[in-house]
Protein backbone atom coordinates (compact mmCIF):
# COMPACT_ATOMS: atom_id res chain seq x y z
CA MET A 1 -39.38 -25.58 10.37
CA GLY A 2 -35.98 -23.87 10.05
CA PRO A 3 -33.84 -22.75 13.01
CA SER A 4 -34.48 -19.04 12.41
CA ARG A 5 -38.25 -19.56 12.53
CA GLN A 6 -37.94 -21.64 15.69
CA PHE A 7 -35.85 -18.85 17.19
CA ALA A 8 -38.50 -16.24 16.30
CA LEU A 9 -41.39 -18.21 17.71
CA GLN A 10 -39.86 -18.68 21.15
CA LEU A 11 -41.92 -15.77 22.50
CA GLY A 12 -45.11 -16.80 20.74
CA PRO A 13 -47.09 -15.41 17.78
CA VAL A 14 -47.12 -11.81 16.60
CA HIS A 15 -49.89 -9.70 18.14
CA PRO A 16 -52.51 -8.47 15.59
CA ALA A 17 -51.72 -4.88 16.51
CA ALA A 18 -48.06 -5.48 15.65
CA ARG A 19 -49.13 -6.78 12.24
CA GLU A 20 -51.08 -3.58 11.74
CA ILE A 21 -48.03 -1.48 12.66
CA ALA A 22 -45.87 -3.42 10.18
CA LEU A 23 -48.27 -2.65 7.34
CA LYS A 24 -48.04 1.09 8.09
CA MET A 25 -44.23 1.38 8.32
CA ASP A 26 -42.78 4.08 6.01
CA LEU A 27 -40.27 2.06 3.99
CA ASP A 28 -38.63 5.03 2.27
CA ALA A 29 -38.07 6.96 5.50
CA ASN A 30 -36.96 3.81 7.34
CA ALA A 31 -34.43 2.90 4.63
CA ALA A 32 -33.06 6.46 4.56
CA PHE A 33 -32.56 6.36 8.34
CA ILE A 34 -30.76 2.99 8.26
CA THR A 35 -28.57 4.07 5.34
CA GLU A 36 -27.47 7.36 6.88
CA GLN A 37 -26.73 5.81 10.26
CA ILE A 38 -24.69 2.90 8.89
CA MET A 39 -22.75 5.15 6.49
CA GLU A 40 -21.89 7.45 9.40
CA ILE A 41 -21.23 4.83 12.08
CA VAL A 42 -19.72 1.88 10.20
CA ILE A 43 -18.37 3.02 6.82
CA PRO A 44 -17.66 6.78 6.95
CA ASP A 45 -14.71 6.22 4.57
CA ARG A 46 -17.24 5.66 1.76
CA ALA A 47 -19.47 8.62 2.57
CA ASP A 48 -18.67 10.29 -0.78
CA ASP A 49 -19.17 7.15 -2.87
CA GLU A 50 -22.67 7.73 -4.27
CA GLY A 51 -22.79 4.38 -6.04
CA PHE A 52 -22.00 2.55 -2.83
CA ARG A 53 -24.53 4.64 -0.91
CA LYS A 54 -27.28 3.78 -3.40
CA LEU A 55 -26.57 0.07 -3.03
CA MET A 56 -26.65 0.45 0.75
CA ALA A 57 -30.03 2.20 0.49
CA ARG A 58 -31.39 -0.56 -1.76
CA ASN A 59 -30.08 -3.17 0.67
CA ALA A 60 -31.77 -1.40 3.60
CA TYR A 61 -35.05 -0.99 1.70
CA ASP A 62 -35.27 -4.61 0.57
CA ASN A 63 -34.37 -6.03 3.99
CA LEU A 64 -36.80 -3.76 5.83
CA ASN A 65 -39.53 -4.62 3.35
CA ALA A 66 -38.89 -8.32 3.98
CA MET A 67 -38.97 -7.91 7.79
CA TRP A 68 -42.12 -5.77 7.85
CA ARG A 69 -43.89 -8.28 5.56
CA ILE A 70 -42.88 -11.18 7.83
CA ILE A 71 -44.12 -9.35 10.92
CA ALA A 72 -47.35 -8.48 9.07
CA GLY A 73 -47.84 -12.18 8.32
CA LEU A 74 -47.51 -11.75 4.54
CA ASP A 75 -44.32 -13.85 4.20
CA GLU A 76 -42.64 -16.71 6.00
CA LEU A 77 -39.44 -16.08 7.93
CA GLU A 78 -37.41 -18.58 5.91
CA VAL A 79 -36.73 -16.38 2.88
CA THR A 80 -33.69 -16.08 0.64
CA PRO A 81 -31.74 -12.81 0.78
CA PRO A 82 -33.45 -10.10 -1.30
CA ARG A 83 -31.80 -8.89 -4.48
CA GLY A 84 -30.74 -5.63 -2.87
CA ALA A 85 -28.88 -7.52 -0.14
CA ILE A 86 -27.08 -9.72 -2.67
CA ALA A 87 -26.11 -6.75 -4.85
CA PHE A 88 -24.72 -4.88 -1.84
CA ASN A 89 -22.93 -8.01 -0.60
CA ASP A 90 -21.14 -8.49 -3.93
CA LYS A 91 -20.22 -4.82 -4.26
CA ALA A 92 -18.81 -4.70 -0.73
CA ALA A 93 -16.64 -7.73 -1.53
CA GLU A 94 -15.53 -6.19 -4.82
CA VAL A 95 -14.40 -2.86 -3.36
CA GLY A 96 -12.54 -4.53 -0.50
CA VAL A 97 -14.74 -3.79 2.52
CA PRO A 98 -13.01 -5.68 5.38
CA LEU A 99 -14.84 -8.74 6.69
CA GLY A 100 -15.14 -7.25 10.18
CA GLN A 101 -16.65 -4.06 8.79
CA PHE A 102 -19.10 -6.07 6.68
CA GLU A 103 -20.27 -8.04 9.73
CA ARG A 104 -20.59 -4.83 11.74
CA ILE A 105 -23.00 -3.41 9.15
CA TYR A 106 -25.45 -6.13 10.12
CA ARG A 107 -24.71 -6.00 13.85
CA VAL A 108 -25.36 -2.27 13.92
CA GLY A 109 -28.30 -2.83 11.59
CA VAL A 110 -30.03 -5.04 14.16
CA GLY A 111 -30.00 -2.22 16.67
CA LEU A 112 -31.17 0.36 14.15
CA VAL A 113 -34.06 -1.77 12.87
CA TRP A 114 -35.17 -2.54 16.41
CA THR A 115 -35.01 1.20 17.20
CA LEU A 116 -37.37 1.89 14.29
CA TRP A 117 -39.76 -0.79 15.48
CA PHE A 118 -39.62 0.38 19.11
CA ARG A 119 -40.46 3.96 18.10
CA ALA A 120 -43.37 2.79 15.95
CA ALA A 121 -44.70 0.45 18.68
CA LYS A 122 -44.40 3.10 21.38
CA ALA A 123 -46.23 5.66 19.22
CA TYR A 124 -49.00 3.12 18.49
CA ALA A 125 -49.41 2.26 22.18
CA GLN A 126 -49.67 5.96 23.09
CA GLU A 127 -52.03 6.92 20.27
CA SER A 128 -54.31 3.91 19.85
CA GLY A 129 -56.23 4.28 23.09
CA THR A 130 -56.35 0.47 23.44
CA ASP A 131 -55.16 -1.64 26.31
CA THR A 132 -52.47 -3.29 24.17
CA GLY A 133 -49.22 -3.12 26.13
CA ILE A 134 -45.82 -2.20 24.68
CA GLU A 135 -44.53 -5.65 25.65
CA GLU A 136 -47.03 -7.34 23.34
CA LEU A 137 -46.01 -5.09 20.47
CA LEU A 138 -42.29 -5.76 20.96
CA ALA A 139 -42.02 -9.45 21.84
CA GLY A 140 -42.69 -11.36 18.62
CA PRO A 141 -41.43 -8.66 16.20
CA SER A 142 -38.18 -8.27 18.18
CA MET A 143 -37.43 -11.97 17.82
CA ILE A 144 -38.35 -11.88 14.12
CA ILE A 145 -35.98 -8.94 13.53
CA HIS A 146 -33.10 -10.73 15.27
CA ALA A 147 -33.87 -14.08 13.65
CA TYR A 148 -34.16 -12.54 10.17
CA ILE A 149 -30.85 -10.70 10.39
CA ASP A 150 -29.16 -13.72 11.95
CA GLY A 151 -30.32 -15.77 8.97
CA GLN A 152 -29.13 -13.11 6.53
CA ILE A 153 -25.66 -12.97 8.10
CA SER A 154 -25.34 -16.75 7.98
CA THR A 155 -26.28 -16.84 4.30
CA LEU A 156 -24.47 -13.73 3.09
CA LEU A 157 -21.27 -14.10 5.07
CA GLU A 158 -20.22 -17.24 3.22
CA ARG A 159 -21.03 -15.61 -0.12
CA PHE A 160 -19.12 -12.48 0.91
CA GLU A 161 -15.98 -14.38 1.95
CA THR A 162 -15.95 -16.38 -1.29
CA ALA A 163 -16.48 -13.28 -3.44
CA GLN A 164 -13.93 -11.27 -1.46
CA ALA A 165 -11.25 -13.94 -1.88
CA GLU A 166 -11.86 -14.03 -5.63
CA HIS A 167 -11.77 -10.24 -5.94
CA GLN A 168 -8.57 -10.10 -3.88
CA ARG A 169 -6.92 -12.57 -6.23
CA THR A 170 -8.10 -10.53 -9.21
CA ARG A 171 -6.93 -7.23 -7.67
CA GLU A 172 -3.55 -8.72 -6.82
CA GLN A 173 -3.12 -10.02 -10.36
CA LEU A 174 -4.07 -6.61 -11.75
CA ARG A 175 -1.71 -4.85 -9.32
CA LEU A 176 1.20 -7.08 -10.30
CA SER A 177 0.41 -6.64 -13.99
CA ILE A 178 0.43 -2.84 -13.69
CA LEU A 179 3.69 -2.82 -11.73
CA ARG A 180 5.28 -5.17 -14.26
CA GLN A 181 4.27 -2.73 -17.00
CA ALA A 182 5.74 0.14 -14.98
CA LEU A 183 9.06 -1.71 -14.81
CA ASP A 184 9.11 -2.54 -18.51
CA GLY A 185 8.36 0.96 -19.72
CA PRO A 186 5.82 3.77 -19.53
CA PRO A 187 2.43 2.00 -19.85
CA ALA A 188 -0.98 3.58 -20.14
CA LEU A 189 -1.23 4.05 -16.40
CA THR A 190 -4.31 6.18 -16.20
CA GLY A 191 -7.82 6.07 -14.86
CA PRO A 192 -9.53 5.45 -11.54
CA ALA A 193 -9.45 1.66 -12.01
CA VAL A 194 -5.65 1.67 -12.04
CA GLU A 195 -5.49 3.95 -8.99
CA ARG A 196 -7.92 1.68 -7.12
CA ALA A 197 -5.86 -1.37 -8.04
CA LEU A 198 -2.62 0.22 -6.82
CA GLY A 199 -4.16 2.06 -3.90
CA ILE A 200 -2.33 5.29 -4.76
CA VAL A 201 -2.93 8.56 -6.60
CA LEU A 202 -0.91 8.66 -9.82
CA ASP A 203 -0.77 12.47 -9.86
CA ALA A 204 1.89 12.48 -7.15
CA GLU A 205 5.66 12.12 -6.87
CA HIS A 206 6.95 8.56 -6.67
CA VAL A 207 10.29 7.22 -5.47
CA SER A 208 11.45 3.65 -5.95
CA VAL A 209 13.74 1.44 -3.90
CA ALA A 210 15.46 -1.71 -5.14
CA LEU A 211 15.84 -3.93 -2.07
CA ARG A 212 17.85 -7.13 -1.67
CA THR A 213 15.87 -9.44 0.61
CA GLU A 214 14.28 -12.86 0.31
CA SER A 215 10.81 -11.63 1.24
CA PHE A 216 8.90 -8.40 1.70
CA ASN A 217 5.47 -7.75 3.16
CA ALA A 218 3.53 -4.50 2.86
CA GLU A 219 2.42 -4.98 6.48
CA SER A 220 5.95 -5.58 7.80
CA PRO A 221 7.65 -3.28 10.34
CA LEU A 222 10.01 -2.05 7.61
CA ALA A 223 7.08 -1.08 5.38
CA ARG A 224 5.45 0.82 8.25
CA GLU A 225 8.73 2.60 9.02
CA LEU A 226 9.13 3.63 5.37
CA CYS A 227 5.61 5.04 5.30
CA GLY A 228 6.10 6.82 8.61
CA ALA A 229 9.39 8.39 7.52
CA THR A 230 8.14 9.65 4.17
CA GLY A 231 4.46 10.32 4.81
CA SER A 232 3.41 7.75 2.22
CA LYS A 233 0.15 5.89 2.73
CA ARG A 234 1.44 2.53 1.51
CA VAL A 235 4.37 0.70 -0.05
CA LEU A 236 3.83 -0.92 -3.43
CA HIS A 237 6.06 -3.95 -3.89
CA TYR A 238 7.03 -6.28 -6.72
CA ARG A 239 9.28 -9.34 -6.64
CA TYR A 240 11.68 -8.52 -9.46
CA ASP A 241 13.97 -11.52 -9.08
CA ALA A 242 15.04 -14.06 -6.50
CA GLY A 243 16.18 -12.00 -3.53
CA LEU A 244 15.39 -8.66 -5.19
CA TRP A 245 12.28 -6.54 -4.67
CA VAL A 246 11.24 -3.22 -6.16
CA LEU A 247 9.30 -0.88 -3.87
CA TRP A 248 7.46 2.36 -4.62
CA LEU A 249 6.45 5.14 -2.22
CA SER A 250 4.23 8.06 -3.24
CA HIS A 251 3.50 11.50 -1.84
CA PRO A 252 1.11 14.14 -3.25
CA ASP A 253 3.42 16.98 -2.15
CA GLY A 254 6.61 15.38 -3.44
CA PHE A 255 9.79 14.12 -1.78
CA ASP A 256 11.87 16.99 -0.46
CA ASP A 257 15.39 16.57 0.94
CA ALA A 258 14.04 15.91 4.44
CA ARG A 259 11.79 13.05 3.29
CA LEU A 260 14.56 11.52 1.18
CA ALA A 261 16.99 11.74 4.10
CA ALA A 262 14.43 10.08 6.38
CA LEU A 263 13.90 7.35 3.76
CA GLU A 264 17.63 6.64 3.57
CA ARG A 265 17.93 6.56 7.38
CA VAL A 266 15.26 3.88 7.61
CA LEU A 267 16.88 1.87 4.82
CA THR A 268 20.29 2.14 6.46
CA GLY A 269 18.79 1.00 9.76
CA SER A 270 17.32 -2.08 8.07
CA GLY A 271 20.81 -3.44 7.39
CA LEU A 272 19.73 -4.48 3.89
CA ARG A 273 21.56 -3.57 0.71
CA CYS A 274 19.40 -1.33 -1.43
CA ALA A 275 19.35 1.51 -3.96
CA VAL A 276 17.08 4.54 -4.31
CA GLY A 277 15.97 5.99 -7.64
CA ASP A 278 15.34 9.69 -8.24
CA PRO A 279 11.81 10.87 -7.31
CA ALA A 280 9.63 11.65 -10.32
CA TRP A 281 6.05 12.82 -10.90
CA GLY A 282 3.09 11.09 -12.45
CA ALA A 283 2.62 7.68 -13.98
CA SER A 284 5.92 7.91 -15.87
CA GLY A 285 7.64 8.53 -12.53
CA LEU A 286 6.87 4.95 -11.47
CA THR A 287 8.88 3.76 -14.47
CA SER A 288 11.78 6.19 -14.34
CA SER A 289 12.42 5.91 -10.60
CA SER A 290 12.27 2.10 -10.56
CA GLY A 291 14.54 1.88 -13.59
CA GLU A 292 17.10 4.08 -11.88
CA ALA A 293 16.89 2.09 -8.64
CA LEU A 294 17.60 -1.12 -10.55
CA VAL A 295 20.57 0.45 -12.35
CA ALA A 296 21.92 1.74 -9.03
CA ILE A 297 21.63 -1.60 -7.25
CA ASP A 298 23.43 -3.30 -10.14
CA LEU A 299 26.26 -0.77 -9.83
CA GLN A 300 26.29 -1.35 -6.07
CA ALA A 301 26.81 -5.07 -6.66
CA ARG A 302 29.67 -4.37 -9.08
CA LEU A 303 31.35 -2.11 -6.56
CA GLY A 304 31.12 -4.85 -3.94
CA GLU A 305 32.00 -4.10 -0.34
CA ALA A 306 33.39 -0.72 -1.38
CA ALA A 307 29.82 0.49 -1.91
CA ALA A 308 27.61 1.71 0.92
CA SER A 309 24.69 -0.48 1.99
CA VAL A 310 22.34 2.23 0.67
CA VAL A 311 23.20 3.93 -2.60
CA ALA A 312 21.30 6.59 -4.51
CA PHE A 313 21.11 6.80 -8.28
CA ARG A 314 21.81 10.51 -8.09
CA ASP A 315 25.32 9.69 -6.78
CA LEU A 316 25.98 7.18 -9.58
CA ARG A 317 24.35 9.01 -12.46
CA LEU A 318 27.60 9.90 -14.22
CA GLU A 319 28.93 6.34 -13.92
CA SER A 320 25.71 4.93 -15.35
CA LEU A 321 25.94 7.26 -18.34
CA LEU A 322 29.56 6.35 -19.07
CA LEU A 323 28.94 2.62 -18.63
CA ALA A 324 26.39 2.76 -21.44
CA GLU A 325 29.43 2.95 -23.77
CA PRO A 326 32.23 0.79 -22.30
CA VAL A 327 34.84 1.77 -24.91
CA LYS A 328 34.43 5.46 -24.14
CA ALA A 329 34.36 4.68 -20.43
CA ARG A 330 37.70 2.86 -20.69
CA HIS A 331 39.18 5.78 -22.60
CA PHE A 332 37.93 8.15 -19.87
CA ILE A 333 39.62 6.03 -17.19
CA ARG A 334 42.97 6.04 -18.98
CA ALA A 335 42.78 9.78 -19.63
CA GLU A 336 42.03 10.62 -16.00
CA LEU A 337 44.19 8.07 -14.15
CA ARG A 338 47.17 8.02 -16.52
CA ASP A 339 49.94 5.94 -14.90
CA LEU A 340 47.74 5.27 -11.86
CA ASP A 341 45.77 2.94 -14.18
CA ALA A 342 48.60 0.44 -14.43
CA GLY A 343 48.36 -3.07 -12.96
CA GLY A 344 50.06 -4.47 -9.92
CA ALA A 345 49.44 -4.56 -6.16
CA ARG A 346 51.19 -1.26 -5.50
CA ARG A 347 49.03 0.62 -8.03
CA ALA A 348 45.89 -1.03 -6.57
CA GLN A 349 46.91 0.19 -3.12
CA LEU A 350 47.44 3.73 -4.41
CA ARG A 351 44.07 3.74 -6.21
CA GLU A 352 42.32 2.66 -3.00
CA THR A 353 44.09 5.44 -1.10
CA ALA A 354 43.13 8.01 -3.74
CA GLN A 355 39.46 6.96 -3.66
CA VAL A 356 39.25 7.02 0.14
CA TRP A 357 41.01 10.41 0.25
CA LEU A 358 38.66 11.88 -2.34
CA GLU A 359 35.60 10.56 -0.49
CA SER A 360 36.73 11.46 3.04
CA GLY A 361 38.51 14.73 2.24
CA SER A 362 41.54 14.58 4.54
CA ASN A 363 44.75 12.73 5.36
CA VAL A 364 43.57 12.09 8.92
CA SER A 365 40.27 10.48 7.88
CA THR A 366 41.98 8.45 5.17
CA ALA A 367 44.56 7.14 7.65
CA GLN A 368 41.79 6.12 10.09
CA ILE A 369 39.78 4.35 7.40
CA LEU A 370 42.78 2.49 5.93
CA GLY A 371 44.36 1.78 9.29
CA VAL A 372 47.73 3.33 8.42
CA HIS A 373 49.82 6.24 9.72
CA GLU A 374 49.04 9.74 8.49
CA HIS A 375 52.62 10.06 7.14
CA THR A 376 51.98 6.96 5.01
CA VAL A 377 48.91 8.60 3.51
CA ARG A 378 50.85 11.77 2.82
CA ASN A 379 53.61 9.85 1.02
CA ARG A 380 51.07 7.90 -1.05
CA ILE A 381 49.29 11.10 -2.07
CA THR A 382 52.59 12.54 -3.29
CA THR A 383 53.19 9.42 -5.40
CA ILE A 384 49.62 9.48 -6.75
CA GLN A 385 49.94 13.11 -7.85
CA LYS A 386 53.13 12.27 -9.73
CA LEU A 387 51.40 9.36 -11.51
CA ILE A 388 48.36 11.41 -12.60
CA GLY A 389 50.42 14.51 -13.36
CA ARG A 390 48.33 16.96 -11.29
CA PRO A 391 47.16 17.68 -7.74
CA LEU A 392 44.38 15.51 -6.32
CA THR A 393 42.40 18.67 -5.65
CA SER A 394 42.02 19.36 -9.38
CA ARG A 395 39.32 17.51 -11.32
CA ARG A 396 38.25 15.73 -8.13
CA THR A 397 34.90 14.59 -9.54
CA GLU A 398 36.39 13.19 -12.74
CA LEU A 399 39.14 11.35 -10.84
CA LEU A 400 36.70 9.81 -8.37
CA VAL A 401 34.39 8.72 -11.20
CA ALA A 402 37.32 7.19 -13.07
CA LEU A 403 38.33 5.20 -9.99
CA ARG A 404 34.79 3.92 -9.45
CA LEU A 405 34.36 3.19 -13.16
CA ARG A 406 37.49 1.10 -13.16
CA ARG A 407 36.06 -1.04 -10.39
CA LEU A 408 32.63 -1.19 -12.04
CA LEU A 409 34.13 -2.41 -15.31
CA GLY A 410 35.98 -5.13 -13.45
CA VAL A 411 39.35 -4.06 -14.75
CA SER A 412 42.05 -6.35 -13.35
CA SER A 413 44.54 -4.73 -10.95
C-alpha cells in the first residue's frame, strides 16, 4: 500500500453516503469553478490566453474526475497523473510559469476542491433527512483529496522542473540566436514566437548600448536602474566579445530626450565605458541601433582617455562617415587644420588646446581644464588661428571633427 493511500485511510473508510455524493458531483460545473478561481487568484497574467485556460480547464476536469471516482470507490488512490494534468504540466513549463506559481496552483487547488466537497456534503446533510452527520461525510473524502493532490504534486513537480530546465535552455538558445542575427544584419524578426523568445514587443522603439564589462546580468542592479530610468520592461543582453556586451532597451512610446538623458545618467553613474546607438523603430531598429553602438564604442577606444566614459553615436556620426574612407578623411584633416596638422610636441600641444577650447567654449574653462594660466590659453589661440588661417569661431564643427579624426586615425604627432 503506497504512502498516499496510507495517509488517506488514517481516518477510516469512506462513508456510503459520501460515495453517493461523489457519483452525483457535476464535473463540468466543478471544473469551471476551479479554473476560474485559479486563473483569477494564481495566474491572472494569463487570463487572456485562451489556449492556456483550456488546458487549465482540462487539468481541473481530469483531476476532479479522478478524485470523485476514488471517493466513490471506483478507482484506487494510487493512480498516475491524468492526461489533462500532464498536458497542463508540460505547457506550464514551456511558457515559463515560475516554479513557485506552479506549486501554488496545486496548493490553492486543494482548498478549492475541498470547498466544493464541503458544499456538496453540507447540502446532502441538510436535504437527505438522514441522521448522517457532516463529520462522516467530510472525514474520509477530505483525506483522499489531500492525499491525491499531495501525490500529484510529488509526481508532477519533478517532471515540471525537468521540462522547465529544458525549455529554458531552448529559449535561451533561441534568444541568443535572434540577437546574433540582429547584430549581423536585419533578419526576419517577426511573429509572436520571436517576441515571446525575446520578451519584448518588436513594434516599439529600441535603443542599444555597447558596454565594456566582464559580466552582465539582466537581474543586476544596473539592469534594474536602466529599466527604471527609461521605462523599459527588460534589458536584452548579448556577449559580443570578451569584456564587451551589447544591450537593448525597448519602449512602445519611443525614447524622447528625457528618457535618453536618464539612460546616459545611469550609464555615467555606473563608471563603465560604454556607447549608445541612436533609437530606432521596429525589428530593423534592433540592428541599426546596436550597429551604431558598436561603431561608437570602437571610436571611443581610439580616442582613448580623451573620450568621455559614455559616448553617443549621434555625437560621432560625422567621424564615422569620414572614417569609412580614410584617404578622404586624411585630406579633410589637412584641409581644415593646415599648418596645425604638422608634427612635433608644440603642434600637439596647440591641437589639444584647440580641441578643449572648441568643446568648452571659453578661455577660462580651457585654462581650468588644461591647468594653465588664462593668458597662456589666449596666446595659444592666437598662434592656432595663424596656423589655420582663420578665427577659431569659423567652421567650428569642421575643425573639431578634423581634430578628433586625426586622433581616431592614429596620426603621429
